[in-house]
Amino acid sequence: MPLGTYKEALSARSTESKITDVSQDGGIVSALLCYALDEGILEGAVVAGTPDDDWRPVPTVVTSSDEVIAAAGTKYSMSPTLSALKEATRQYGLEKVGVVATPCQVQGLRKAQAYPLARFITDKIKLIIGIYCMENFPMASLDTFAVSKLGFDSLQDATKMDIGKGKFWLTKDGEDSGLAIKETHGYEQAGCNICMDYVAEWADVSTGSVGSPDGWSTVLTRTDDGESIFKAAVDAGLIETKPMDEVKPGLPLLEKLAKGKKDKNGKERENRAKLGLPLPVEY
């Protein structure tokens, strides 16, 4: 199964303009976190925040809806988000924590939950939201895309980043500039080339834009906790949904990309194994 195990697949978006105005696609990550914080399901969450106009992600602990919204938007450089878990549980004293993570980070969390050594932190994780991820870029690569390939004076001139319709997009002064994805190959983090997970298969809820129309997100609920919180947010009127078979391009595209990543990176793993290079242990 290229998408892993899941309970339900839906196309969804936040009904709150204060979220959709600043979030990526349907704003599902922000909507879920805001709902869970407001209802006391979570006391806080660990997310990838961005300081000021610098696109360098910074692990951030958020404890209110306003802080969630301030940190909204996808960052395409790796954030060491999990490093803030100790801060969330120790300095903040949080007992019910949410985490927004890439597929590789979700695997790390699930492995940590399986080992007693980390239980004093991981037992406090109550919701893991995974975001679809094909690859990630070092900050130097993003600078190259902006300045050398798209003609920006600086990456800091960009107000939004996105990947869609076969391009890497940067927005400046309300105008979008696109770089063909094929031109970004070779600039990604090295570890991305052996990752087999596109859709955060071990999260409680996985979400991303692929498969849904513009302004919407494709959501996969995977666990009882994930399904319960997502449905509660829908019932509260904070998220609206559509069946995946009623939207285009639908699940077939998501399945194609997920399988493509497994096939391509599986071959790279085989090549590295033949060379005697170390490989990560899959969860």
Protein backbone atom coordinates (compact mmCIF):
# COMPACT_ATOMS: atom_id res chain seq x y z
CA MET A 1 0.00 0.00 0.00
CA PRO A 2 1.78 3.17 -1.14
CA LEU A 3 -0.20 5.34 1.29
CA GLY A 4 0.22 3.08 4.31
CA THR A 5 -2.67 2.18 6.61
CA TYR A 6 -5.38 4.79 7.04
CA LYS A 7 -8.99 4.96 8.18
CA GLU A 8 -10.39 7.62 5.85
CA ALA A 9 -9.22 9.88 3.04
CA LEU A 10 -10.87 13.27 2.58
CA SER A 11 -10.32 16.58 0.87
CA ALA A 12 -10.60 19.32 3.48
CA ARG A 13 -10.00 22.96 4.33
CA SER A 14 -10.34 25.28 7.29
CA THR A 15 -13.49 27.41 7.43
CA GLU A 16 -11.62 30.17 9.28
CA SER A 17 -10.33 32.99 7.06
CA LYS A 18 -7.76 33.96 9.69
CA ILE A 19 -6.22 30.53 9.07
CA THR A 20 -6.65 30.16 5.31
CA ASP A 21 -5.27 33.67 4.71
CA VAL A 22 -1.87 32.71 6.12
CA SER A 23 -1.72 28.92 5.88
CA GLN A 24 -0.65 26.55 3.15
CA ASP A 25 -3.37 24.99 0.99
CA GLY A 26 -6.38 24.14 3.19
CA GLY A 27 -4.80 25.13 6.51
CA ILE A 28 -5.54 21.73 8.05
CA VAL A 29 -2.48 21.61 10.33
CA SER A 30 -3.26 25.01 11.80
CA ALA A 31 -6.98 24.25 12.08
CA LEU A 32 -6.40 21.00 13.95
CA LEU A 33 -3.88 22.54 16.33
CA CYS A 34 -6.07 25.58 17.02
CA TYR A 35 -9.07 23.37 17.74
CA ALA A 36 -7.11 21.00 19.98
CA LEU A 37 -5.55 23.87 21.96
CA ASP A 38 -8.81 25.77 22.34
CA GLU A 39 -10.62 22.63 23.55
CA GLY A 40 -7.86 21.59 25.97
CA ILE A 41 -7.10 18.40 24.06
CA LEU A 42 -3.55 19.70 23.80
CA GLU A 43 -1.69 22.09 26.08
CA GLY A 44 0.86 22.98 23.44
CA ALA A 45 2.54 21.82 20.26
CA VAL A 46 5.97 21.70 18.69
CA VAL A 47 6.12 23.19 15.19
CA ALA A 48 8.59 24.61 12.69
CA GLY A 49 8.46 28.35 13.24
CA THR A 50 10.09 31.10 11.17
CA PRO A 51 11.73 34.14 12.78
CA ASP A 52 10.86 37.49 11.21
CA ASP A 53 11.58 37.55 7.45
CA ASP A 54 14.24 34.82 7.59
CA TRP A 55 13.04 31.53 6.08
CA ARG A 56 15.30 29.46 8.32
CA PRO A 57 12.96 27.19 10.32
CA VAL A 58 13.27 27.33 14.11
CA PRO A 59 11.73 24.68 16.40
CA THR A 60 8.99 26.49 18.29
CA VAL A 61 6.65 25.62 21.16
CA VAL A 62 3.18 27.11 20.66
CA THR A 63 0.50 27.18 23.36
CA SER A 64 -2.26 29.29 21.80
CA SER A 65 -4.16 29.63 18.53
CA ASP A 66 -2.52 33.00 17.88
CA GLU A 67 0.91 31.41 18.14
CA VAL A 68 -0.14 28.59 15.82
CA ILE A 69 -1.32 31.06 13.20
CA ALA A 70 1.87 33.12 13.55
CA ALA A 71 3.91 30.01 12.73
CA ALA A 72 1.71 28.89 9.80
CA GLY A 73 3.05 28.08 6.36
CA THR A 74 5.32 25.40 4.95
CA LYS A 75 9.09 25.73 5.18
CA TYR A 76 11.13 23.75 2.70
CA SER A 77 14.34 23.54 4.70
CA MET A 78 14.74 20.96 7.44
CA SER A 79 13.72 22.08 10.91
CA PRO A 80 15.10 20.14 13.90
CA THR A 81 11.58 20.30 15.31
CA LEU A 82 11.87 17.32 17.63
CA SER A 83 14.65 19.07 19.53
CA ALA A 84 11.98 21.31 21.10
CA LEU A 85 10.13 18.39 22.71
CA LYS A 86 12.33 18.54 25.79
CA GLU A 87 11.64 22.27 26.08
CA ALA A 88 7.90 21.66 25.75
CA THR A 89 7.80 19.02 28.48
CA ARG A 90 10.47 20.39 30.82
CA GLN A 91 10.55 24.21 30.58
CA TYR A 92 6.88 24.58 29.66
CA GLY A 93 5.75 21.63 31.77
CA LEU A 94 3.27 20.46 29.13
CA GLU A 95 1.54 17.12 29.69
CA LYS A 96 -0.42 16.96 26.41
CA VAL A 97 1.72 17.83 23.40
CA GLY A 98 1.10 17.89 19.66
CA VAL A 99 3.86 17.62 17.07
CA VAL A 100 3.94 18.64 13.39
CA ALA A 101 6.57 16.60 11.61
CA THR A 102 7.91 15.35 8.29
CA PRO A 103 7.74 11.60 7.55
CA CYS A 104 11.32 10.94 8.71
CA GLN A 105 10.68 12.81 11.96
CA VAL A 106 7.44 10.89 12.52
CA GLN A 107 9.39 7.63 12.23
CA GLY A 108 11.88 8.96 14.79
CA LEU A 109 9.04 9.78 17.18
CA ARG A 110 7.46 6.35 16.85
CA LYS A 111 10.82 4.69 17.47
CA ALA A 112 11.32 6.87 20.55
CA GLN A 113 7.89 5.86 21.83
CA ALA A 114 8.91 2.22 21.53
CA TYR A 115 11.93 2.63 23.82
CA PRO A 116 11.45 3.10 27.60
CA LEU A 117 14.44 5.47 27.81
CA ALA A 118 12.48 8.31 26.23
CA ARG A 119 9.08 7.59 27.78
CA PHE A 120 9.16 10.59 30.16
CA ILE A 121 8.88 12.78 27.02
CA THR A 122 7.15 10.64 24.41
CA ASP A 123 4.31 9.58 26.73
CA LYS A 124 3.17 13.21 26.65
CA ILE A 125 2.76 13.27 22.87
CA LYS A 126 -0.97 13.11 22.18
CA LEU A 127 -1.18 14.03 18.49
CA ILE A 128 1.28 13.66 15.62
CA ILE A 129 0.38 15.52 12.42
CA GLY A 130 2.51 14.39 9.50
CA ILE A 131 3.03 16.47 6.37
CA TYR A 132 3.62 15.02 2.92
CA CYS A 133 7.25 15.38 1.91
CA MET A 134 9.08 14.27 -1.22
CA GLU A 135 12.36 16.02 -0.36
CA ASN A 136 13.80 18.86 1.67
CA PHE A 137 16.44 21.47 0.91
CA PRO A 138 19.34 23.03 2.82
CA MET A 139 19.08 26.80 3.25
CA ALA A 140 21.95 27.25 0.77
CA SER A 141 19.88 25.48 -1.89
CA LEU A 142 16.88 27.72 -1.25
CA ASP A 143 19.15 30.76 -1.58
CA THR A 144 20.34 29.40 -4.93
CA PHE A 145 16.77 28.88 -6.16
CA ALA A 146 15.78 32.42 -5.20
CA VAL A 147 18.82 34.39 -6.31
CA SER A 148 20.54 32.42 -9.08
CA LYS A 149 17.54 30.76 -10.70
CA LEU A 150 14.59 33.09 -10.05
CA GLY A 151 16.40 36.41 -9.99
CA PHE A 152 15.45 37.56 -6.49
CA ASP A 153 17.82 39.92 -4.69
CA SER A 154 17.52 37.74 -1.62
CA LEU A 155 15.51 34.77 -0.33
CA GLN A 156 14.17 37.12 2.33
CA ASP A 157 12.24 38.94 -0.41
CA ALA A 158 9.92 35.93 -0.65
CA THR A 159 6.66 35.99 1.30
CA LYS A 160 5.60 32.40 0.59
CA MET A 161 7.05 29.08 -0.58
CA ASP A 162 5.16 26.23 -2.16
CA ILE A 163 5.61 23.15 -4.33
CA GLY A 164 2.86 22.26 -6.78
CA LYS A 165 2.01 21.72 -10.42
CA GLY A 166 5.53 20.47 -11.10
CA LYS A 167 7.27 23.59 -9.80
CA PHE A 168 8.92 25.09 -6.75
CA TRP A 169 7.22 28.46 -6.16
CA LEU A 170 8.33 31.63 -4.44
CA THR A 171 5.95 34.56 -3.99
CA LYS A 172 7.16 38.17 -3.96
CA ASP A 173 4.93 41.26 -3.92
CA GLY A 174 1.93 39.04 -4.66
CA GLU A 175 3.47 37.53 -7.78
CA ASP A 176 4.49 33.87 -8.06
CA SER A 177 7.76 32.76 -9.66
CA GLY A 178 8.13 29.08 -10.49
CA LEU A 179 11.16 26.83 -10.90
CA ALA A 180 10.67 23.43 -12.57
CA ILE A 181 11.08 20.64 -10.03
CA LYS A 182 13.56 18.91 -12.31
CA GLU A 183 15.87 21.90 -11.81
CA THR A 184 15.87 21.31 -8.05
CA HIS A 185 17.19 17.75 -8.31
CA GLY A 186 20.62 17.43 -6.77
CA TYR A 187 19.99 20.26 -4.32
CA GLU A 188 18.00 18.21 -1.79
CA GLN A 189 19.21 16.89 1.55
CA ALA A 190 21.23 13.71 0.95
CA GLY A 191 19.10 11.67 3.33
CA CYS A 192 15.97 12.41 1.30
CA ASN A 193 17.24 10.10 -1.44
CA ILE A 194 16.81 7.00 0.73
CA CYS A 195 13.57 7.93 2.49
CA MET A 196 10.70 5.62 1.52
CA ASP A 197 7.83 7.57 3.05
CA TYR A 198 6.03 10.37 1.21
CA VAL A 199 2.79 10.57 3.22
CA ALA A 200 3.92 10.27 6.88
CA GLU A 201 2.54 6.76 7.20
CA TRP A 202 3.06 6.57 10.98
CA ALA A 203 1.36 9.84 11.92
CA ASP A 204 -2.04 10.15 13.61
CA VAL A 205 -3.17 12.41 10.77
CA SER A 206 -1.33 13.03 7.48
CA THR A 207 -2.00 15.97 5.22
CA GLY A 208 -0.74 17.78 2.13
CA SER A 209 -1.98 19.43 -1.03
CA VAL A 210 -1.54 16.57 -3.52
CA GLY A 211 -4.81 15.10 -4.74
CA SER A 212 -7.00 18.05 -3.78
CA PRO A 213 -7.98 21.24 -5.66
CA ASP A 214 -6.21 24.55 -5.00
CA GLY A 215 -6.98 25.84 -1.53
CA TRP A 216 -7.78 22.36 -0.18
CA SER A 217 -5.72 19.61 1.45
CA THR A 218 -5.86 15.83 1.25
CA VAL A 219 -6.21 14.34 4.72
CA LEU A 220 -5.53 10.75 5.78
CA THR A 221 -6.72 9.88 9.28
CA ARG A 222 -4.64 6.95 10.52
CA THR A 223 -5.21 6.30 14.22
CA ASP A 224 -8.15 6.40 16.62
CA ASP A 225 -6.79 9.59 18.22
CA GLY A 226 -6.21 11.26 14.86
CA GLU A 227 -9.64 10.33 13.57
CA SER A 228 -11.35 11.47 16.77
CA ILE A 229 -9.73 14.92 16.84
CA PHE A 230 -10.23 15.49 13.12
CA LYS A 231 -13.91 14.52 13.22
CA ALA A 232 -14.47 16.70 16.29
CA ALA A 233 -13.01 19.70 14.46
CA VAL A 234 -15.29 18.96 11.50
CA ASP A 235 -18.34 18.62 13.77
CA ALA A 236 -17.44 21.94 15.39
CA GLY A 237 -17.61 23.59 11.96
CA LEU A 238 -13.92 24.51 11.87
CA ILE A 239 -13.11 22.21 8.94
CA GLU A 240 -15.19 21.38 5.87
CA THR A 241 -14.66 18.20 3.86
CA LYS A 242 -15.41 16.55 0.53
CA PRO A 243 -15.14 12.86 -0.41
CA MET A 244 -11.94 12.20 -2.36
CA ASP A 245 -13.88 10.60 -5.21
CA GLU A 246 -15.60 13.94 -5.80
CA VAL A 247 -12.42 15.99 -6.31
CA LYS A 248 -9.67 16.08 -8.89
CA PRO A 249 -7.00 14.88 -9.33
CA GLY A 250 -7.92 12.67 -6.38
CA LEU A 251 -6.10 9.83 -4.61
CA PRO A 252 -4.62 8.26 -7.77
CA LEU A 253 -2.09 11.11 -8.03
CA LEU A 254 -1.15 10.84 -4.36
CA GLU A 255 -0.72 7.09 -4.72
CA LYS A 256 1.40 7.58 -7.85
CA LEU A 257 3.78 9.99 -6.11
CA ALA A 258 4.00 7.87 -2.96
CA LYS A 259 4.78 4.75 -4.97
CA GLY A 260 7.23 6.67 -7.13
CA LYS A 261 9.20 7.73 -4.09
CA LYS A 262 9.31 4.19 -2.76
CA ASP A 263 10.45 2.78 -6.11
CA LYS A 264 13.06 5.44 -6.84
CA ASN A 265 14.54 5.61 -3.36
CA GLY A 266 14.33 1.85 -2.94
CA LYS A 267 16.74 1.51 -5.86
CA GLU A 268 19.08 4.04 -4.26
CA ARG A 269 19.00 2.08 -1.02
CA GLU A 270 19.92 -1.08 -2.93
CA ASN A 271 22.83 0.74 -4.57
CA ARG A 272 24.09 2.01 -1.24
CA ALA A 273 23.76 -1.43 0.34
CA LYS A 274 25.93 -2.90 -2.42
CA LEU A 275 28.57 -0.30 -1.63
CA GLY A 276 28.43 -1.18 2.04
CA LEU A 277 27.04 2.20 3.03
CA PRO A 278 24.86 2.43 6.16
CA LEU A 279 21.09 2.68 5.81
CA PRO A 280 18.47 3.75 8.38
CA VAL A 281 16.30 1.10 10.00
CA GLU A 282 12.69 1.50 8.88
CA TYR A 283 10.08 1.74 11.64
